[in-house]
């Protein structure tokens, strides 16, 4: 069995003139304003620490597929044998380009040439801050994840909520909850967490999956899952990919992960015992800095938000914290 594990990371440089021109053109065409989406593209200067973290804490990785519109950081060592630069046009069908819709980009990862069947997907705000082994992400050839159900409210007037709601509707249209859980009972009522088992039991009378707990951390995927989801949900996925920006009616990329859970294509793992998610705010910046500097966890996601904040101060504190644990250049830097 091929035991290689690759990493995939997506990145955008909002200062790139060509990207900016197309972004502004299609934003205006759809009646959007640049400020509306600013936090989705704002650069915190942390990318070099993503590479330093991988170089130091996951030296076992096979290849890193750096997915980009076309621009690259000036400091990136593109001659590193582990690094593969992948432009959108190299794996996303031309009919959907250019795209500023992350779901569209993520739905085509399985088309990246050379990508291993097993890969871990990172947003560029997800970082390794301590050593991890391959079995943090895959065991027995399957992704590590937590099969924890969760209640979903009816979608609010929010793009993300509505896209997740649609993803769950598709899951429930293709899987019978009772059968899915019965076929992989130990994964939902697992010995490693009696608390999780008790939590899931409260949903046992429901005929449908109510939802799954979110995982805003690096996650393992199988290319074969992509092929299967495309086979059964192609209409909804193409509808999503046709939108230049996230829009109502899109289905969330979470559909791929949900499919792995519902099909039992995962190994139970408490993903929250070594990973944390934080919205970057003035009220969380001290906690974020402490967690990074003292390496209290192994993985951290730092989500930018449209909330008004002291951006310059928060950016400095985050960079100082990363610089404290990763002060030296790595093989991915010139």
Foldseek 3Di string as FASTA:
>chain_A
DDPAEAEEEEAEACPPVVVVVVVVVVCVVVVHDCLVCVLVHDDLPCQLLQVLQCVPAPVRHQAYEYEYCPDDPPFFDCPPPRYHYHHQPQFQDPLLPPAPAVQLSLLRPLRPPPHDQKYKYDYSQKHFQHHDYPVLADDPRFGEDALAFDAQDPADPDLVSQQQVVLQVLLQVVFFQVVLCVVVVCRQCPPVDVPSNVRVVVCNPPRGGRGGDDDNHIHMAGSVLSVVCCVRPVVQSVVQSNDRYRDRSHHGSCSSVVSCSSNVRHHYDDNPVAEEEDEDAPVCLVVLLVCNQVVVHGMYGYRYDSDDHPSVVSSVSNVVSSCNSRVDRGPRTD
